Amino acid sequence: MGLGAKADTITVVKSTHSDHLLLRAIDHANTATKRWVVGSLRLWWHGAELCARCLSLGLYVGANGARVREQIYQATWPLVAGYSVLTGLLSVVIIRIVLAAAADYGLSQFALNLLIRTLVLEVIPLLAATYVALRFAMVRQASARTPIGAATTAVGAGFAVCFLAVTSAILVSGIAYLSVFGLSPWGGPAFTALIGAIFTPTVALVLVLKTLLFAGAVAVVPLVSARRHIPELSASRRFARLFGVLLLIELLSLVGNYY
């Protein structure tokens, strides 16, 4: 066989090998995509099932009232002190930075508006949802194997998100007022007018819906993988799924508020 024929044979072999690798890569990608689609459909299906159970539990709470109250207490009260300290320290740091930067650029008159919009509308609800997920919902997932256990845990987690979001929003608003006006009561009318200008009906509706969706996501997503037919996931993957849902809700709220 001549050198030219050998070179052609080697080229054909290399081309065939490359094509084989490409086909294997495509087949692997298709398999991974199918698994992802099936897993996502199972996730949403069991999430909807758990939501339905939580709704029925809320409508017929008589027989399980004690368990629901216990889960609400365990999901909320132990987290209040730590979350209040966290949000208080975080808000003080952010408020001081924003006020100092606004003063340097001669924009002090816009600082309080920016702080309320940033902290109360965006940061606080997302932080409350993440805090409850890490401190309660994901921790209790392992013990929520029965349908009634999953439902009561979900109700407790959802209530905790709403409660911490509301109380911390009030706390942060008070810290913002004190940082700008001090202990003087004369800033009350201006602060009240600013709050009224920020929280228009549309903004207030978006905030309420976002907080409720955050509560629903924290209540359902960490528990779905514990349900039947869902493979066990690591804690990091469960949190990644939850945080992805939270970020999607946050993105939709930004669109509703500013677009």
C-alpha atoms as a PDB file:
ATOM      1  CA  MET A   1       0.000   0.000   0.000  1.00  0.00           C
ATOM      2  CA  GLY A   2       1.355   3.367  -0.955  1.00  0.00           C
ATOM      3  CA  LEU A   3       1.916   6.276   1.358  1.00  0.00           C
ATOM      4  CA  GLY A   4      -1.062   8.121  -0.096  1.00  0.00           C
ATOM      5  CA  ALA A   5      -3.397   5.200   0.564  1.00  0.00           C
ATOM      6  CA  LYS A   6      -2.122   4.851   4.119  1.00  0.00           C
ATOM      7  CA  ALA A   7      -2.667   8.555   4.735  1.00  0.00           C
ATOM      8  CA  ASP A   8      -6.196   8.307   3.375  1.00  0.00           C
ATOM      9  CA  THR A   9      -6.897   5.302   5.606  1.00  0.00           C
ATOM     10  CA  ILE A  10      -5.606   7.126   8.684  1.00  0.00           C
ATOM     11  CA  THR A  11      -7.717  10.172   7.799  1.00  0.00           C
ATOM     12  CA  VAL A  12     -10.820   8.007   7.412  1.00  0.00           C
ATOM     13  CA  VAL A  13     -10.165   6.291  10.740  1.00  0.00           C
ATOM     14  CA  LYS A  14      -9.660   9.607  12.518  1.00  0.00           C
ATOM     15  CA  SER A  15     -12.801  11.019  10.914  1.00  0.00           C
ATOM     16  CA  THR A  16     -14.813   7.945  11.914  1.00  0.00           C
ATOM     17  CA  HIS A  17     -13.483   8.137  15.475  1.00  0.00           C
ATOM     18  CA  SER A  18     -14.330  11.850  15.679  1.00  0.00           C
ATOM     19  CA  ASP A  19     -17.817  11.218  14.342  1.00  0.00           C
ATOM     20  CA  HIS A  20     -18.267   8.429  16.898  1.00  0.00           C
ATOM     21  CA  LEU A  21     -17.203  10.722  19.741  1.00  0.00           C
ATOM     22  CA  LEU A  22     -19.518  13.448  18.471  1.00  0.00           C
ATOM     23  CA  LEU A  23     -22.459  11.042  18.306  1.00  0.00           C
ATOM     24  CA  ARG A  24     -21.706   9.806  21.820  1.00  0.00           C
ATOM     25  CA  ALA A  25     -21.576  13.401  23.092  1.00  0.00           C
ATOM     26  CA  ILE A  26     -24.886  14.215  21.402  1.00  0.00           C
ATOM     27  CA  ASP A  27     -26.494  11.052  22.778  1.00  0.00           C
ATOM     28  CA  HIS A  28     -25.213  11.870  26.265  1.00  0.00           C
ATOM     29  CA  ALA A  29     -26.544  15.433  25.996  1.00  0.00           C
ATOM     30  CA  ASN A  30     -29.948  14.152  24.841  1.00  0.00           C
ATOM     31  CA  THR A  31     -30.072  11.673  27.729  1.00  0.00           C
ATOM     32  CA  ALA A  32     -29.148  14.370  30.245  1.00  0.00           C
ATOM     33  CA  THR A  33     -31.778  16.695  28.788  1.00  0.00           C
ATOM     34  CA  LYS A  34     -34.453  14.004  28.986  1.00  0.00           C
ATOM     35  CA  ARG A  35     -33.527  13.271  32.593  1.00  0.00           C
ATOM     36  CA  TRP A  36     -33.660  16.975  33.432  1.00  0.00           C
ATOM     37  CA  VAL A  37     -37.073  17.381  31.802  1.00  0.00           C
ATOM     38  CA  VAL A  38     -38.476  14.313  33.547  1.00  0.00           C
ATOM     39  CA  GLY A  39     -37.005  15.388  36.874  1.00  0.00           C
ATOM     40  CA  SER A  40     -38.410  18.895  36.499  1.00  0.00           C
ATOM     41  CA  LEU A  41     -41.873  17.568  35.650  1.00  0.00           C
ATOM     42  CA  ARG A  42     -41.773  15.268  38.677  1.00  0.00           C
ATOM     43  CA  LEU A  43     -40.615  18.158  40.845  1.00  0.00           C
ATOM     44  CA  TRP A  44     -43.484  20.422  39.782  1.00  0.00           C
ATOM     45  CA  TRP A  45     -46.029  17.592  39.971  1.00  0.00           C
ATOM     46  CA  HIS A  46     -45.153  16.674  43.536  1.00  0.00           C
ATOM     47  CA  GLY A  47     -44.897  20.350  44.416  1.00  0.00           C
ATOM     48  CA  ALA A  48     -48.468  20.835  43.201  1.00  0.00           C
ATOM     49  CA  GLU A  49     -49.521  17.745  45.160  1.00  0.00           C
ATOM     50  CA  LEU A  50     -47.948  19.111  48.333  1.00  0.00           C
ATOM     51  CA  CYS A  51     -49.585  22.521  47.789  1.00  0.00           C
ATOM     52  CA  ALA A  52     -52.954  20.797  47.475  1.00  0.00           C
ATOM     53  CA  ARG A  53     -52.339  18.905  50.724  1.00  0.00           C
ATOM     54  CA  CYS A  54     -51.354  22.129  52.501  1.00  0.00           C
ATOM     55  CA  LEU A  55     -54.497  23.835  51.211  1.00  0.00           C
ATOM     56  CA  SER A  56     -56.705  20.979  52.352  1.00  0.00           C
ATOM     57  CA  LEU A  57     -54.939  21.001  55.704  1.00  0.00           C
ATOM     58  CA  GLY A  58     -55.675  24.699  56.043  1.00  0.00           C
ATOM     59  CA  LEU A  59     -59.329  24.168  55.187  1.00  0.00           C
ATOM     60  CA  TYR A  60     -59.766  21.186  57.499  1.00  0.00           C
ATOM     61  CA  VAL A  61     -57.411  22.074  60.307  1.00  0.00           C
ATOM     62  CA  GLY A  62     -59.599  20.834  63.145  1.00  0.00           C
ATOM     63  CA  ALA A  63     -58.100  17.379  63.620  1.00  0.00           C
ATOM     64  CA  ASN A  64     -54.533  18.593  63.061  1.00  0.00           C
ATOM     65  CA  GLY A  65     -54.764  22.019  64.649  1.00  0.00           C
ATOM     66  CA  ALA A  66     -52.311  21.183  67.426  1.00  0.00           C
ATOM     67  CA  ARG A  67     -49.688  19.905  64.988  1.00  0.00           C
ATOM     68  CA  VAL A  68     -50.091  22.925  62.718  1.00  0.00           C
ATOM     69  CA  ARG A  69     -49.747  25.349  65.638  1.00  0.00           C
ATOM     70  CA  GLU A  70     -46.697  23.467  66.870  1.00  0.00           C
ATOM     71  CA  GLN A  71     -45.011  23.653  63.472  1.00  0.00           C
ATOM     72  CA  ILE A  72     -45.832  27.358  63.125  1.00  0.00           C
ATOM     73  CA  TYR A  73     -44.330  28.004  66.547  1.00  0.00           C
ATOM     74  CA  GLN A  74     -41.211  25.931  65.875  1.00  0.00           C
ATOM     75  CA  ALA A  75     -40.717  27.521  62.462  1.00  0.00           C
ATOM     76  CA  THR A  76     -41.167  31.113  63.645  1.00  0.00           C
ATOM     77  CA  TRP A  77     -40.341  31.815  67.254  1.00  0.00           C
ATOM     78  CA  PRO A  78     -36.811  30.307  67.439  1.00  0.00           C
ATOM     79  CA  LEU A  79     -35.815  32.299  64.346  1.00  0.00           C
ATOM     80  CA  VAL A  80     -37.103  35.719  65.389  1.00  0.00           C
ATOM     81  CA  ALA A  81     -34.176  36.797  67.577  1.00  0.00           C
ATOM     82  CA  GLY A  82     -31.411  35.662  65.243  1.00  0.00           C
ATOM     83  CA  TYR A  83     -33.098  37.029  62.150  1.00  0.00           C
ATOM     84  CA  SER A  84     -33.846  40.367  63.823  1.00  0.00           C
ATOM     85  CA  VAL A  85     -30.188  40.757  64.819  1.00  0.00           C
ATOM     86  CA  LEU A  86     -29.048  39.776  61.323  1.00  0.00           C
ATOM     87  CA  THR A  87     -31.364  42.173  59.512  1.00  0.00           C
ATOM     88  CA  GLY A  88     -30.682  44.941  62.015  1.00  0.00           C
ATOM     89  CA  LEU A  89     -26.896  44.740  61.611  1.00  0.00           C
ATOM     90  CA  LEU A  90     -27.122  44.344  57.847  1.00  0.00           C
ATOM     91  CA  SER A  91     -29.484  47.296  57.491  1.00  0.00           C
ATOM     92  CA  VAL A  92     -27.313  49.533  59.689  1.00  0.00           C
ATOM     93  CA  VAL A  93     -24.266  48.784  57.530  1.00  0.00           C
ATOM     94  CA  ILE A  94     -26.111  49.326  54.242  1.00  0.00           C
ATOM     95  CA  ILE A  95     -27.853  52.471  55.484  1.00  0.00           C
ATOM     96  CA  ARG A  96     -24.603  54.059  56.663  1.00  0.00           C
ATOM     97  CA  ILE A  97     -22.878  53.273  53.359  1.00  0.00           C
ATOM     98  CA  VAL A  98     -25.727  54.658  51.262  1.00  0.00           C
ATOM     99  CA  LEU A  99     -26.119  57.807  53.369  1.00  0.00           C
ATOM    100  CA  ALA A 100     -22.388  58.531  53.265  1.00  0.00           C
ATOM    101  CA  ALA A 101     -22.215  57.987  49.504  1.00  0.00           C
ATOM    102  CA  ALA A 102     -25.309  60.123  48.905  1.00  0.00           C
ATOM    103  CA  ALA A 103     -23.867  62.956  51.016  1.00  0.00           C
ATOM    104  CA  ASP A 104     -20.599  62.875  49.079  1.00  0.00           C
ATOM    105  CA  TYR A 105     -22.424  63.236  45.762  1.00  0.00           C
ATOM    106  CA  GLY A 106     -25.010  65.749  46.994  1.00  0.00           C
ATOM    107  CA  LEU A 107     -27.905  63.282  46.664  1.00  0.00           C
ATOM    108  CA  SER A 108     -28.971  63.054  50.292  1.00  0.00           C
ATOM    109  CA  GLN A 109     -32.569  63.884  49.403  1.00  0.00           C
ATOM    110  CA  PHE A 110     -32.832  60.620  47.448  1.00  0.00           C
ATOM    111  CA  ALA A 111     -31.051  58.380  49.958  1.00  0.00           C
ATOM    112  CA  LEU A 112     -34.058  57.428  52.089  1.00  0.00           C
ATOM    113  CA  ASN A 113     -36.169  56.611  49.041  1.00  0.00           C
ATOM    114  CA  LEU A 114     -33.400  54.382  47.709  1.00  0.00           C
ATOM    115  CA  LEU A 115     -32.972  52.643  51.062  1.00  0.00           C
ATOM    116  CA  ILE A 116     -36.668  51.820  51.461  1.00  0.00           C
ATOM    117  CA  ARG A 117     -36.945  50.554  47.895  1.00  0.00           C
ATOM    118  CA  THR A 118     -33.799  48.459  48.134  1.00  0.00           C
ATOM    119  CA  LEU A 119     -34.162  47.020  51.628  1.00  0.00           C
ATOM    120  CA  VAL A 120     -37.885  46.734  52.246  1.00  0.00           C
ATOM    121  CA  LEU A 121     -39.022  45.901  48.724  1.00  0.00           C
ATOM    122  CA  GLU A 122     -36.198  43.653  47.554  1.00  0.00           C
ATOM    123  CA  VAL A 123     -33.626  42.539  50.139  1.00  0.00           C
ATOM    124  CA  ILE A 124     -35.775  41.788  53.199  1.00  0.00           C
ATOM    125  CA  PRO A 125     -38.301  39.358  51.603  1.00  0.00           C
ATOM    126  CA  LEU A 126     -35.552  37.422  49.826  1.00  0.00           C
ATOM    127  CA  LEU A 127     -33.438  37.301  52.979  1.00  0.00           C
ATOM    128  CA  ALA A 128     -36.397  36.098  55.052  1.00  0.00           C
ATOM    129  CA  ALA A 129     -37.132  33.300  52.597  1.00  0.00           C
ATOM    130  CA  THR A 130     -33.495  32.196  52.489  1.00  0.00           C
ATOM    131  CA  TYR A 131     -33.150  32.316  56.275  1.00  0.00           C
ATOM    132  CA  VAL A 132     -36.242  30.208  56.914  1.00  0.00           C
ATOM    133  CA  ALA A 133     -35.190  27.725  54.250  1.00  0.00           C
ATOM    134  CA  LEU A 134     -31.741  27.212  55.748  1.00  0.00           C
ATOM    135  CA  ARG A 135     -32.753  27.260  59.406  1.00  0.00           C
ATOM    136  CA  PHE A 136     -36.043  25.353  59.274  1.00  0.00           C
ATOM    137  CA  ALA A 137     -37.447  24.037  55.993  1.00  0.00           C
ATOM    138  CA  MET A 138     -34.377  22.159  54.768  1.00  0.00           C
ATOM    139  CA  VAL A 139     -33.493  20.956  58.265  1.00  0.00           C
ATOM    140  CA  ARG A 140     -36.957  19.474  58.800  1.00  0.00           C
ATOM    141  CA  GLN A 141     -37.060  17.807  55.401  1.00  0.00           C
ATOM    142  CA  ALA A 142     -35.621  14.544  56.687  1.00  0.00           C
ATOM    143  CA  SER A 143     -38.395  14.146  59.275  1.00  0.00           C
ATOM    144  CA  ALA A 144     -41.239  15.117  56.930  1.00  0.00           C
ATOM    145  CA  ARG A 145     -41.731  11.727  55.281  1.00  0.00           C
ATOM    146  CA  THR A 146     -45.466  11.345  55.847  1.00  0.00           C
ATOM    147  CA  PRO A 147     -47.976  13.477  53.928  1.00  0.00           C
ATOM    148  CA  ILE A 148     -49.347  15.108  57.074  1.00  0.00           C
ATOM    149  CA  GLY A 149     -45.831  15.774  58.349  1.00  0.00           C
ATOM    150  CA  ALA A 150     -44.814  17.378  55.065  1.00  0.00           C
ATOM    151  CA  ALA A 151     -47.970  19.486  54.968  1.00  0.00           C
ATOM    152  CA  THR A 152     -47.645  20.777  58.540  1.00  0.00           C
ATOM    153  CA  THR A 153     -43.946  21.557  58.038  1.00  0.00           C
ATOM    154  CA  ALA A 154     -44.772  23.410  54.829  1.00  0.00           C
ATOM    155  CA  VAL A 155     -47.452  25.479  56.573  1.00  0.00           C
ATOM    156  CA  GLY A 156     -45.006  26.379  59.344  1.00  0.00           C
ATOM    157  CA  ALA A 157     -42.284  27.390  56.894  1.00  0.00           C
ATOM    158  CA  GLY A 158     -44.646  29.524  54.811  1.00  0.00           C
ATOM    159  CA  PHE A 159     -45.992  31.317  57.873  1.00  0.00           C
ATOM    160  CA  ALA A 160     -42.453  31.959  59.141  1.00  0.00           C
ATOM    161  CA  VAL A 161     -41.422  33.600  55.861  1.00  0.00           C
ATOM    162  CA  CYS A 162     -44.406  35.964  55.912  1.00  0.00           C
ATOM    163  CA  PHE A 163     -43.994  36.790  59.601  1.00  0.00           C
ATOM    164  CA  LEU A 164     -40.259  37.485  59.414  1.00  0.00           C
ATOM    165  CA  ALA A 165     -40.626  39.506  56.213  1.00  0.00           C
ATOM    166  CA  VAL A 166     -43.271  41.787  57.755  1.00  0.00           C
ATOM    167  CA  THR A 167     -41.600  42.269  61.137  1.00  0.00           C
ATOM    168  CA  SER A 168     -38.151  42.851  59.648  1.00  0.00           C
ATOM    169  CA  ALA A 169     -39.567  45.357  57.151  1.00  0.00           C
ATOM    170  CA  ILE A 170     -40.966  47.352  60.080  1.00  0.00           C
ATOM    171  CA  LEU A 171     -37.639  47.052  61.928  1.00  0.00           C
ATOM    172  CA  VAL A 172     -35.588  48.190  58.943  1.00  0.00           C
ATOM    173  CA  SER A 173     -37.950  51.100  58.265  1.00  0.00           C
ATOM    174  CA  GLY A 174     -37.522  52.221  61.868  1.00  0.00           C
ATOM    175  CA  ILE A 175     -33.732  51.989  61.615  1.00  0.00           C
ATOM    176  CA  ALA A 176     -33.805  53.987  58.374  1.00  0.00           C
ATOM    177  CA  TYR A 177     -35.925  56.704  60.011  1.00  0.00           C
ATOM    178  CA  LEU A 178     -33.594  56.942  63.018  1.00  0.00           C
ATOM    179  CA  SER A 179     -30.541  57.070  60.758  1.00  0.00           C
ATOM    180  CA  VAL A 180     -31.935  60.018  58.813  1.00  0.00           C
ATOM    181  CA  PHE A 181     -34.034  61.972  61.338  1.00  0.00           C
ATOM    182  CA  GLY A 182     -32.691  60.718  64.656  1.00  0.00           C
ATOM    183  CA  LEU A 183     -35.050  60.704  67.621  1.00  0.00           C
ATOM    184  CA  SER A 184     -36.883  63.790  66.413  1.00  0.00           C
ATOM    185  CA  PRO A 185     -40.616  63.284  65.782  1.00  0.00           C
ATOM    186  CA  TRP A 186     -40.644  66.093  63.222  1.00  0.00           C
ATOM    187  CA  GLY A 187     -39.559  63.783  60.451  1.00  0.00           C
ATOM    188  CA  GLY A 188     -42.747  61.752  60.789  1.00  0.00           C
ATOM    189  CA  PRO A 189     -44.843  63.600  58.181  1.00  0.00           C
ATOM    190  CA  ALA A 190     -42.060  63.558  55.594  1.00  0.00           C
ATOM    191  CA  PHE A 191     -41.337  59.896  56.248  1.00  0.00           C
ATOM    192  CA  THR A 192     -45.020  58.977  56.039  1.00  0.00           C
ATOM    193  CA  ALA A 193     -45.371  60.884  52.764  1.00  0.00           C
ATOM    194  CA  LEU A 194     -42.340  59.083  51.371  1.00  0.00           C
ATOM    195  CA  ILE A 195     -43.729  55.675  52.348  1.00  0.00           C
ATOM    196  CA  GLY A 196     -47.037  56.550  50.709  1.00  0.00           C
ATOM    197  CA  ALA A 197     -45.261  57.644  47.531  1.00  0.00           C
ATOM    198  CA  ILE A 198     -43.228  54.435  47.354  1.00  0.00           C
ATOM    199  CA  PHE A 199     -45.950  51.946  48.213  1.00  0.00           C
ATOM    200  CA  THR A 200     -48.384  52.651  45.433  1.00  0.00           C
ATOM    201  CA  PRO A 201     -51.186  50.097  44.986  1.00  0.00           C
ATOM    202  CA  THR A 202     -49.222  48.335  42.253  1.00  0.00           C
ATOM    203  CA  VAL A 203     -45.993  48.172  44.267  1.00  0.00           C
ATOM    204  CA  ALA A 204     -47.832  47.014  47.388  1.00  0.00           C
ATOM    205  CA  LEU A 205     -49.634  44.286  45.416  1.00  0.00           C
ATOM    206  CA  VAL A 206     -46.381  43.080  43.859  1.00  0.00           C
ATOM    207  CA  LEU A 207     -44.716  43.010  47.292  1.00  0.00           C
ATOM    208  CA  VAL A 208     -47.541  40.987  48.819  1.00  0.00           C
ATOM    209  CA  LEU A 209     -47.616  38.527  45.928  1.00  0.00           C
ATOM    210  CA  LYS A 210     -43.841  38.170  45.973  1.00  0.00           C
ATOM    211  CA  THR A 211     -43.800  37.484  49.708  1.00  0.00           C
ATOM    212  CA  LEU A 212     -46.548  34.874  49.337  1.00  0.00           C
ATOM    213  CA  LEU A 213     -44.727  33.223  46.445  1.00  0.00           C
ATOM    214  CA  PHE A 214     -41.513  33.211  48.460  1.00  0.00           C
ATOM    215  CA  ALA A 215     -43.406  31.575  51.316  1.00  0.00           C
ATOM    216  CA  GLY A 216     -44.860  28.982  48.976  1.00  0.00           C
ATOM    217  CA  ALA A 217     -41.474  28.209  47.438  1.00  0.00           C
ATOM    218  CA  VAL A 218     -39.800  27.775  50.825  1.00  0.00           C
ATOM    219  CA  ALA A 219     -42.703  25.653  52.014  1.00  0.00           C
ATOM    220  CA  VAL A 220     -42.782  23.307  49.024  1.00  0.00           C
ATOM    221  CA  VAL A 221     -39.471  23.087  47.151  1.00  0.00           C
ATOM    222  CA  PRO A 222     -37.241  21.760  49.992  1.00  0.00           C
ATOM    223  CA  LEU A 223     -39.832  19.100  50.797  1.00  0.00           C
ATOM    224  CA  VAL A 224     -40.520  17.835  47.296  1.00  0.00           C
ATOM    225  CA  SER A 225     -37.397  15.658  47.049  1.00  0.00           C
ATOM    226  CA  ALA A 226     -38.457  13.871  50.243  1.00  0.00           C
ATOM    227  CA  ARG A 227     -41.673  12.718  48.604  1.00  0.00           C
ATOM    228  CA  ARG A 228     -41.924   9.375  46.841  1.00  0.00           C
ATOM    229  CA  HIS A 229     -40.563   8.860  43.330  1.00  0.00           C
ATOM    230  CA  ILE A 230     -38.112  11.750  43.753  1.00  0.00           C
ATOM    231  CA  PRO A 231     -34.453  10.710  44.085  1.00  0.00           C
ATOM    232  CA  GLU A 232     -32.546  11.886  47.125  1.00  0.00           C
ATOM    233  CA  LEU A 233     -30.625  15.085  46.474  1.00  0.00           C
ATOM    234  CA  SER A 234     -27.736  16.610  48.351  1.00  0.00           C
ATOM    235  CA  ALA A 235     -28.412  19.625  50.536  1.00  0.00           C
ATOM    236  CA  SER A 236     -26.523  21.894  48.161  1.00  0.00           C
ATOM    237  CA  ARG A 237     -28.607  20.770  45.180  1.00  0.00           C
ATOM    238  CA  ARG A 238     -31.844  21.181  47.110  1.00  0.00           C
ATOM    239  CA  PHE A 239     -30.844  24.688  48.119  1.00  0.00           C
ATOM    240  CA  ALA A 240     -29.726  25.497  44.568  1.00  0.00           C
ATOM    241  CA  ARG A 241     -33.146  24.489  43.245  1.00  0.00           C
ATOM    242  CA  LEU A 242     -34.894  26.563  45.870  1.00  0.00           C
ATOM    243  CA  PHE A 243     -32.694  29.598  45.344  1.00  0.00           C
ATOM    244  CA  GLY A 244     -33.244  29.376  41.600  1.00  0.00           C
ATOM    245  CA  VAL A 245     -37.007  29.522  42.166  1.00  0.00           C
ATOM    246  CA  LEU A 246     -36.580  32.469  44.553  1.00  0.00           C
ATOM    247  CA  LEU A 247     -34.464  34.363  42.034  1.00  0.00           C
ATOM    248  CA  LEU A 248     -37.062  33.735  39.325  1.00  0.00           C
ATOM    249  CA  ILE A 249     -39.780  35.169  41.580  1.00  0.00           C
ATOM    250  CA  GLU A 250     -37.543  38.138  42.388  1.00  0.00           C
ATOM    251  CA  LEU A 251     -36.936  38.765  38.683  1.00  0.00           C
ATOM    252  CA  LEU A 252     -40.654  38.704  37.961  1.00  0.00           C
ATOM    253  CA  SER A 253     -41.278  41.175  40.800  1.00  0.00           C
ATOM    254  CA  LEU A 254     -38.634  43.542  39.406  1.00  0.00           C
ATOM    255  CA  VAL A 255     -40.355  43.407  36.046  1.00  0.00           C
ATOM    256  CA  GLY A 256     -43.703  44.150  37.704  1.00  0.00           C
ATOM    257  CA  ASN A 257     -42.322  47.091  39.683  1.00  0.00           C
ATOM    258  CA  TYR A 258     -40.043  48.802  37.217  1.00  0.00           C
ATOM    259  CA  TYR A 259     -41.173  47.782  33.746  1.00  0.00           C
END
